[in-house]
Protein backbone atom coordinates (compact mmCIF):
# COMPACT_ATOMS: atom_id res chain seq x y z
CA MET A 1 -18.93 14.82 61.13
CA ASP A 2 -21.63 14.09 63.70
CA ALA A 3 -23.98 16.51 65.38
CA ASP A 4 -21.55 17.04 68.25
CA ASP A 5 -18.91 18.33 65.90
CA VAL A 6 -21.29 20.60 64.02
CA ALA A 7 -21.76 22.43 67.31
CA ALA A 8 -18.05 22.38 68.12
CA ALA A 9 -17.69 26.10 67.50
CA GLY A 10 -19.99 26.84 70.42
CA GLU A 11 -19.10 23.92 72.63
CA PHE A 12 -16.71 25.95 74.73
CA GLY A 13 -18.74 29.15 74.71
CA ASP A 14 -19.19 29.15 78.47
CA LEU A 15 -15.53 30.10 78.78
CA TRP A 16 -16.56 33.59 77.79
CA GLY A 17 -18.73 35.72 80.04
CA ARG A 18 -20.47 39.04 79.63
CA PRO A 19 -19.15 42.34 80.97
CA GLY A 20 -19.63 42.46 84.71
CA GLU A 21 -20.22 38.74 85.10
CA HIS A 22 -16.94 38.22 86.90
CA GLY A 23 -16.52 41.68 88.32
CA PRO A 24 -17.95 45.18 87.97
CA THR A 25 -17.62 46.94 84.65
CA VAL A 26 -16.92 50.54 85.55
CA SER A 27 -15.15 53.51 84.08
CA ARG A 28 -12.43 55.47 85.84
CA ALA A 29 -15.12 57.83 87.05
CA GLY A 30 -16.99 54.95 88.62
CA HIS A 31 -19.80 54.76 86.07
CA PRO A 32 -20.77 51.49 84.34
CA GLN A 33 -19.11 51.46 80.97
CA ALA A 34 -17.82 49.01 78.32
CA ARG A 35 -14.94 50.24 76.24
CA PRO A 36 -13.93 48.87 72.82
CA LEU A 37 -10.52 47.40 72.35
CA GLY A 38 -8.14 50.29 71.94
CA VAL A 39 -4.67 51.48 72.68
CA ARG A 40 -4.47 53.12 76.07
CA SER A 41 -2.49 53.05 79.30
CA VAL A 42 -3.74 50.96 82.19
CA PRO A 43 -2.54 50.49 85.80
CA TYR A 44 -0.16 47.82 86.91
CA ASP A 45 -0.21 46.34 90.39
CA VAL A 46 3.18 45.47 91.86
CA ALA A 47 1.48 43.25 94.42
CA ASP A 48 0.21 41.04 91.60
CA ARG A 49 3.79 40.42 90.52
CA ALA A 50 4.74 39.51 94.06
CA ARG A 51 1.92 36.99 94.22
CA VAL A 52 3.48 34.72 91.57
CA ALA A 53 6.51 33.95 93.80
CA PRO A 54 8.80 32.07 93.85
CA CYS A 55 9.16 32.64 90.09
CA VAL A 56 9.16 36.45 90.33
CA VAL A 57 12.16 38.49 91.33
CA GLN A 58 10.81 41.15 93.67
CA ASN A 59 11.61 44.67 92.57
CA ALA A 60 9.32 47.23 94.09
CA GLY A 61 11.19 49.99 92.36
CA MET A 62 10.28 48.66 88.90
CA VAL A 63 6.65 49.71 88.97
CA SER A 64 6.36 50.12 85.23
CA PRO A 65 8.71 47.75 83.37
CA GLN A 66 9.22 48.66 79.76
CA PRO A 67 8.61 45.79 77.32
CA PRO A 68 11.65 44.58 75.44
CA VAL A 69 12.19 45.08 71.75
CA SER A 70 10.84 41.60 71.01
CA VAL A 71 7.38 42.43 72.43
CA ARG A 72 5.03 43.43 69.62
CA ARG A 73 1.66 43.42 71.42
CA THR A 74 0.53 43.95 74.99
CA VAL A 75 -2.96 43.18 76.29
CA GLU A 76 -3.91 44.02 79.87
CA ARG A 77 -6.81 43.20 82.12
CA VAL A 78 -8.34 45.88 84.33
CA SER A 79 -11.67 46.23 86.09
CA ASP A 80 -13.58 47.02 82.90
CA GLY A 81 -12.11 44.25 80.77
CA TRP A 82 -9.15 43.57 78.53
CA HIS A 83 -7.45 46.34 76.55
CA GLU A 84 -4.58 46.33 74.10
CA THR A 85 -1.89 48.86 74.93
CA THR A 86 1.11 50.19 73.08
CA PRO A 87 4.25 48.24 74.03
CA GLY A 88 6.46 50.54 76.07
CA SER A 89 3.71 52.98 77.04
CA ALA A 90 3.39 54.28 80.59
CA VAL A 91 1.39 51.82 82.67
CA ALA A 92 0.30 51.52 86.29
CA ARG A 93 -2.15 48.99 87.79
CA ALA A 94 -3.38 45.87 85.97
CA GLU A 95 -4.97 42.65 87.14
CA ALA A 96 -3.16 40.62 84.48
CA ARG A 97 -0.96 41.21 81.48
CA TRP A 98 -0.37 39.30 78.24
CA PHE A 99 2.74 39.95 76.16
CA VAL A 100 3.00 38.73 72.56
CA VAL A 101 6.56 38.40 71.25
CA GLU A 102 7.82 37.75 67.76
CA ASP A 103 9.60 34.44 68.14
CA GLY A 104 9.29 31.46 70.43
CA ALA A 105 12.96 31.73 71.34
CA ASP A 106 12.26 35.20 72.77
CA VAL A 107 9.51 34.16 75.18
CA LEU A 108 11.74 33.36 78.13
CA ASP A 109 14.04 36.28 77.31
CA ALA A 110 11.12 38.69 77.47
CA ALA A 111 9.98 37.23 80.78
CA GLU A 112 13.49 37.52 82.16
CA GLU A 113 13.71 41.17 81.13
CA HIS A 114 10.52 41.79 83.11
CA GLY A 115 12.08 40.38 86.24
CA LEU A 116 10.79 36.80 86.16
CA ASP A 117 13.09 33.99 87.20
CA VAL A 118 13.15 31.49 84.33
CA SER A 119 16.37 29.69 85.26
CA GLU A 120 14.56 26.52 86.36
CA ILE A 121 12.56 26.45 83.11
CA ARG A 122 15.75 26.84 81.08
CA ALA A 123 17.46 24.08 83.05
CA ARG A 124 14.60 21.66 82.49
CA LEU A 125 14.40 22.51 78.79
CA ALA A 126 18.13 21.89 78.50
CA ARG A 127 17.71 18.45 80.06
CA ILE A 128 14.82 17.68 77.70
CA GLY A 129 16.87 18.90 74.73
CA ARG A 130 19.55 16.34 75.48
CA GLY A 131 17.01 13.51 75.52
CA PRO A 132 15.44 11.50 72.69
CA SER A 133 12.31 13.69 72.71
CA SER A 134 14.14 16.96 72.15
CA VAL A 135 11.88 17.97 69.26
CA ALA A 136 8.63 16.85 70.88
CA PRO A 137 6.08 19.38 72.17
CA ARG A 138 6.12 19.53 75.93
CA VAL A 139 4.77 21.00 79.15
CA VAL A 140 7.23 22.18 81.80
CA ARG A 141 5.93 23.23 85.21
CA VAL A 142 7.86 24.79 88.11
CA ASN A 143 6.44 24.68 91.64
CA ASP A 144 2.92 24.96 90.24
CA HIS A 145 3.48 28.72 89.77
CA ALA A 146 5.16 28.84 86.36
CA LEU A 147 4.22 27.00 83.20
CA TYR A 148 5.99 26.61 79.86
CA VAL A 149 4.02 25.02 77.02
CA VAL A 150 4.96 24.29 73.41
CA VAL A 151 2.25 22.95 71.11
CA PRO A 152 2.01 22.78 67.31
CA THR A 153 -0.68 24.62 65.37
CA ALA A 154 -2.33 23.71 62.08
CA ALA A 155 -3.98 25.67 59.28
CA TYR A 156 -5.47 24.63 55.94
CA ASP A 157 -5.37 26.33 52.57
CA ASP A 158 -5.80 24.89 49.08
CA GLU A 159 -5.48 21.25 50.17
CA GLN A 160 -2.31 22.05 52.09
CA VAL A 161 -1.93 21.74 55.87
CA THR A 162 0.64 24.14 57.25
CA THR A 163 1.89 23.64 60.77
CA GLY A 164 3.35 26.15 63.16
CA ARG A 165 4.20 26.42 66.82
CA LEU A 166 2.68 28.16 69.82
CA VAL A 167 5.01 28.85 72.75
CA LEU A 168 3.50 29.94 76.08
CA PHE A 169 5.04 30.95 79.38
CA ALA A 170 2.61 31.79 82.17
CA THR A 171 2.71 32.81 85.79
CA GLY A 172 -0.26 33.73 87.93
CA THR A 173 -0.85 37.16 86.39
CA VAL A 174 1.50 37.34 83.41
CA LEU A 175 1.45 35.42 80.14
CA TYR A 176 4.03 35.49 77.34
CA SER A 177 3.30 33.92 73.98
CA ALA A 178 4.78 33.60 70.52
CA GLU A 179 3.16 32.03 67.49
CA SER A 180 4.62 30.91 64.19
CA GLY A 181 2.62 29.68 61.23
CA SER A 182 -0.68 30.80 59.74
CA ALA A 183 -3.17 29.43 62.30
CA GLY A 184 -3.80 32.91 63.73
CA VAL A 185 -4.55 31.73 67.28
CA THR A 186 -3.18 34.92 68.82
CA ASP A 187 -5.24 37.23 66.62
CA LYS A 188 -8.42 35.26 67.33
CA VAL A 189 -7.94 35.51 71.09
CA VAL A 190 -7.14 39.23 70.92
CA GLU A 191 -10.29 39.74 68.85
CA ARG A 192 -12.40 37.96 71.46
CA LEU A 193 -10.87 40.02 74.22
CA GLY A 194 -11.70 43.13 72.25
CA GLU A 195 -15.37 42.18 72.23
CA GLN A 196 -15.35 42.94 75.97
CA ARG A 197 -16.63 39.52 76.96
CA ALA A 198 -14.83 38.91 80.22
CA LEU A 199 -13.10 35.58 80.55
CA LYS A 200 -13.84 33.31 83.47
CA GLY A 201 -10.96 32.84 85.83
CA ARG A 202 -8.34 34.88 87.60
CA GLY A 203 -5.12 36.38 86.38
CA ALA A 204 -3.68 35.17 83.08
CA LEU A 205 -5.28 31.71 83.17
CA PRO A 206 -8.33 32.79 81.10
CA VAL A 207 -6.05 33.81 78.22
CA LEU A 208 -4.21 30.49 78.41
CA ALA A 209 -7.53 28.64 78.35
CA ALA A 210 -8.80 30.76 75.47
CA MET A 211 -5.70 30.01 73.40
CA LEU A 212 -6.18 26.28 73.93
CA VAL A 213 -9.84 26.60 72.92
CA GLU A 214 -8.90 28.45 69.73
CA LEU A 215 -6.17 25.89 69.07
CA VAL A 216 -8.66 23.01 69.20
CA ALA A 217 -11.23 24.99 67.20
CA GLY A 218 -8.61 25.63 64.52
CA ALA A 219 -7.81 21.92 64.38
CA SER A 220 -11.53 21.26 63.92
CA ASP A 221 -11.61 23.68 60.98
CA VAL A 222 -8.67 21.86 59.40
CA GLU A 223 -10.43 18.52 59.81
CA LEU A 224 -13.63 19.86 58.22
CA ALA A 225 -11.69 21.24 55.25
CA LEU A 226 -9.84 17.96 54.78
CA GLY A 227 -13.15 16.09 54.95
CA ASP A 228 -14.58 18.27 52.18
CA ALA A 229 -11.47 17.67 50.05
CA VAL A 230 -11.76 13.90 50.55
CA ALA A 231 -15.47 13.97 49.62
CA HIS A 232 -14.70 15.92 46.44
CA LEU A 233 -11.91 13.53 45.49
CA GLU A 234 -14.23 10.56 46.01
CA GLN A 235 -16.45 11.85 43.20
CA VAL A 236 -13.64 11.64 40.63
CA ALA A 237 -11.52 8.83 42.05
CA PHE A 238 -13.15 6.14 39.88
CA ARG A 239 -13.14 8.00 36.58
CA LEU A 240 -10.71 6.26 34.30
CA ASP A 241 -10.23 9.42 32.26
CA GLU A 242 -8.68 11.20 35.28
CA ASP A 243 -5.68 10.43 37.44
CA PRO A 244 -6.54 11.16 41.10
CA LEU A 245 -3.50 9.41 42.56
CA PRO A 246 -1.35 12.56 43.04
CA ARG A 247 -4.18 14.36 44.86
CA LEU A 248 -4.99 11.24 46.83
CA TYR A 249 -1.43 10.81 48.03
CA ASN A 250 -1.18 14.52 48.83
CA LEU A 251 -4.32 14.38 50.97
CA LYS A 252 -3.03 11.35 52.85
CA ARG A 253 0.18 13.22 53.56
CA GLU A 254 -1.69 16.33 54.74
CA ILE A 255 -3.94 14.25 57.00
CA SER A 256 -0.86 12.64 58.54
CA GLU A 257 0.61 16.08 59.16
CA ALA A 258 -2.63 17.28 60.76
CA ARG A 259 -2.73 14.23 63.03
CA ARG A 260 0.86 14.81 64.10
CA ALA A 261 -0.04 18.39 65.00
CA LEU A 262 -3.12 17.32 66.94
CA LEU A 263 -1.60 14.45 68.90
CA PRO A 264 0.23 16.61 71.49
CA LEU A 265 -3.07 18.26 72.44
CA SER A 266 -4.60 14.97 73.52
CA VAL A 267 -1.42 14.02 75.37
CA GLU A 268 -0.58 17.30 77.08
CA LEU A 269 -3.95 18.91 77.83
CA PRO A 270 -4.61 16.72 80.89
CA ASP A 271 -1.27 17.87 82.37
CA LEU A 272 -2.59 21.44 82.49
CA GLY A 273 -5.56 20.58 84.70
CA ASP A 274 -6.06 21.11 88.40
CA ASP A 275 -4.96 18.46 90.85
CA ARG A 276 -6.60 17.68 94.16
CA THR A 277 -3.20 16.86 95.62
CA THR A 278 -1.93 20.37 94.88
CA VAL A 279 -1.21 22.31 98.07
CA SER A 280 -0.79 25.72 96.41
CA THR A 281 -3.36 28.31 97.37
CA GLU A 282 -3.56 29.57 93.77
CA PRO A 283 -2.16 26.79 91.56
CA LEU A 284 -1.41 27.59 87.94
CA ARG A 285 -3.81 24.97 86.62
CA LEU A 286 -6.83 25.14 84.35
CA ASP A 287 -10.29 23.83 85.07
CA ARG A 288 -10.22 20.06 84.62
CA GLN A 289 -13.75 19.92 83.23
CA LEU A 290 -12.79 22.33 80.45
CA LEU A 291 -9.65 20.34 79.66
CA GLU A 292 -11.62 17.10 79.56
CA ARG A 293 -13.98 18.64 77.01
CA LEU A 294 -11.07 19.95 74.96
CA THR A 295 -9.32 16.59 75.12
CA ALA A 296 -12.48 14.72 74.10
CA HIS A 297 -12.99 17.11 71.19
CA ALA A 298 -9.37 16.70 70.09
CA GLU A 299 -9.76 12.92 70.21
CA ARG A 300 -12.94 13.12 68.09
CA ILE A 301 -11.09 15.22 65.54
CA ASP A 302 -8.30 12.64 65.42
CA GLN A 303 -10.86 9.86 64.94
CA HIS A 304 -12.42 11.73 62.02
CA LEU A 305 -9.01 12.31 60.48
CA GLU A 306 -8.31 8.61 60.83
CA SER A 307 -11.63 7.88 59.07
CA HIS A 308 -10.67 10.22 56.23
CA ASP A 309 -7.32 8.48 55.92
CA SER A 310 -8.99 5.06 55.86
CA LEU A 311 -11.39 6.23 53.16
CA LEU A 312 -8.47 7.46 51.07
CA SER A 313 -6.76 4.09 51.52
CA ASP A 314 -9.92 2.33 50.34
CA MET A 315 -10.15 4.64 47.33
CA LEU A 316 -6.52 3.91 46.51
CA THR A 317 -7.13 0.16 46.71
CA VAL A 318 -10.21 0.31 44.49
CA ARG A 319 -8.47 2.62 42.03
CA LEU A 320 -5.51 0.27 41.71
CA SER A 321 -7.93 -2.64 41.24
CA LEU A 322 -9.64 -0.77 38.42
CA VAL A 323 -6.30 -0.06 36.81
CA SER A 324 -5.36 -3.73 37.12
CA VAL A 325 -8.65 -4.81 35.55
CA ARG A 326 -8.16 -2.37 32.71
CA GLN A 327 -4.64 -3.68 32.15
CA ASN A 328 -5.99 -7.23 32.02
CA GLU A 329 -8.53 -6.16 29.43
CA ASP A 330 -5.81 -4.58 27.35
CA MET A 331 -3.70 -7.73 27.61
CA ARG A 332 -6.61 -9.87 26.41
CA LYS A 333 -7.16 -7.61 23.43
CA ILE A 334 -3.50 -7.72 22.55
CA SER A 335 -3.45 -11.51 22.90
CA ALA A 336 -6.56 -11.89 20.72
CA TRP A 337 -5.17 -9.74 17.91
CA ALA A 338 -1.85 -11.57 18.15
CA ALA A 339 -3.67 -14.90 17.72
CA ILE A 340 -5.56 -13.57 14.70
CA ALA A 341 -2.37 -12.25 13.14
CA ALA A 342 -0.59 -15.56 13.77
CA VAL A 343 -2.79 -17.42 11.24
CA PRO A 344 -1.79 -15.55 8.06
CA THR A 345 1.76 -15.32 9.37
CA LEU A 346 1.91 -19.09 9.77
CA VAL A 347 0.39 -19.83 6.35
CA ALA A 348 2.57 -17.28 4.60
CA GLY A 349 5.61 -18.69 6.34
CA ILE A 350 4.82 -22.23 5.19
CA TYR A 351 4.35 -21.30 1.56
CA GLY A 352 7.31 -19.00 1.71
CA MET A 353 9.63 -21.96 2.27
CA ASN A 354 9.55 -22.70 -1.51
CA PHE A 355 9.82 -26.47 -1.31
CA GLU A 356 10.01 -28.15 -4.73
CA HIS A 357 7.27 -30.68 -4.10
CA MET A 358 4.28 -28.58 -3.04
CA PRO A 359 1.30 -29.67 -5.18
CA GLU A 360 -0.78 -26.62 -4.21
CA LEU A 361 1.61 -24.42 -6.08
CA ALA A 362 0.50 -25.99 -9.35
CA TRP A 363 -3.20 -25.68 -8.68
CA THR A 364 -5.11 -23.02 -10.56
CA TRP A 365 -7.08 -21.99 -7.50
CA GLY A 366 -4.36 -22.72 -4.99
CA TYR A 367 -3.36 -19.12 -4.30
CA PRO A 368 -6.93 -17.72 -4.07
CA GLY A 369 -7.93 -20.68 -1.95
CA VAL A 370 -5.17 -20.05 0.57
CA LEU A 371 -6.11 -16.36 0.80
CA VAL A 372 -9.78 -17.20 1.36
CA ALA A 373 -8.84 -19.76 3.99
CA MET A 374 -6.65 -17.26 5.85
CA VAL A 375 -9.37 -14.60 5.81
CA GLY A 376 -11.98 -17.10 6.93
CA ILE A 377 -9.89 -18.33 9.83
CA CYS A 378 -9.12 -14.76 10.93
CA VAL A 379 -12.80 -13.77 10.78
CA GLY A 380 -13.74 -16.85 12.75
CA LEU A 381 -11.18 -16.11 15.44
CA HIS A 382 -12.31 -12.49 15.65
CA ARG A 383 -15.94 -13.52 16.16
CA ALA A 384 -14.93 -16.08 18.77
CA PHE A 385 -12.82 -13.59 20.74
CA LYS A 386 -15.53 -10.96 20.54
CA HIS A 387 -18.14 -13.43 21.74
CA ASN A 388 -15.99 -14.24 24.79
CA GLY A 389 -15.38 -10.58 25.62
CA TRP A 390 -11.76 -10.41 24.62
CA LEU A 391 -12.42 -7.86 21.91
């Protein structure tokens, strides 16, 4: 990792502001005050829902929509910051609202129960589902006022990369999300909101931006952990008394999984940025400068993962070369001992033929002489092989 990546955790810190930076921080009584994250009721502004048209079905009578059963967390933005409320509690005015549901399949259902028109999103998803990229992460936008995003997440534990999925549906002032897997992006964003550091931006866009920041930061943590695992494996990869090949292959597989999870970020992040050709007065697009920084950081992470994978490939090549050399050494030893053993075998085989006319058989020192000759030849061969490094 280079110096830029060491500071990655704080690279996007300017997304977060201090209380009052983007609006007054006041209590209901009008006094400056910063409240901790807690469960309470906050107002809800019907006009804010009307502002996200044409994706919102107007219903002035539904001032306080009750969250569906699938909603497990609700976070709302008022004048003094973001506060988590109890799903289904009485609410009134709010500048923005973030609903967290259990499953990605429930995101659009929850939005529909709150009066949002998601028919166009469903139609486009159906068309995508019939295509060759039906399982690919994607970004679906409707009239620049509604956004549906699906991106994979990644987490690391005990040399295992586990992937999940983050599903987002956003309008101007409302965001619905569902997360699967162990990356914990939702919890991290809620924790930051609870620190009462106001997010830059209007409506629900700051939460969307914060989730992307945490997503990239989590990918960076995975890359750092994989880098440490590769460095540790490198220390034992060339020990002939250990077999690192299972760990090596496992790390290569986990790196490939991490790269597959990270690739959609680099591809889809630019599609979330603002566009000068957009004619909407309040387009549902994130700051392009922020997205460029996130994209650049995601690309650096991918480059580092590629370097780790290349290093593992080099270690595998060297390890196999060492194994091949060791096998050659074993073959030379076997060949040398076979040559030494061939001498007495040959001599014994000749005299074991029991021909009638073999003058050595009548010699007094014939038998001892043959034994001494066999031993001498074997000793000579042994010394010769040892001198040449075969033994």
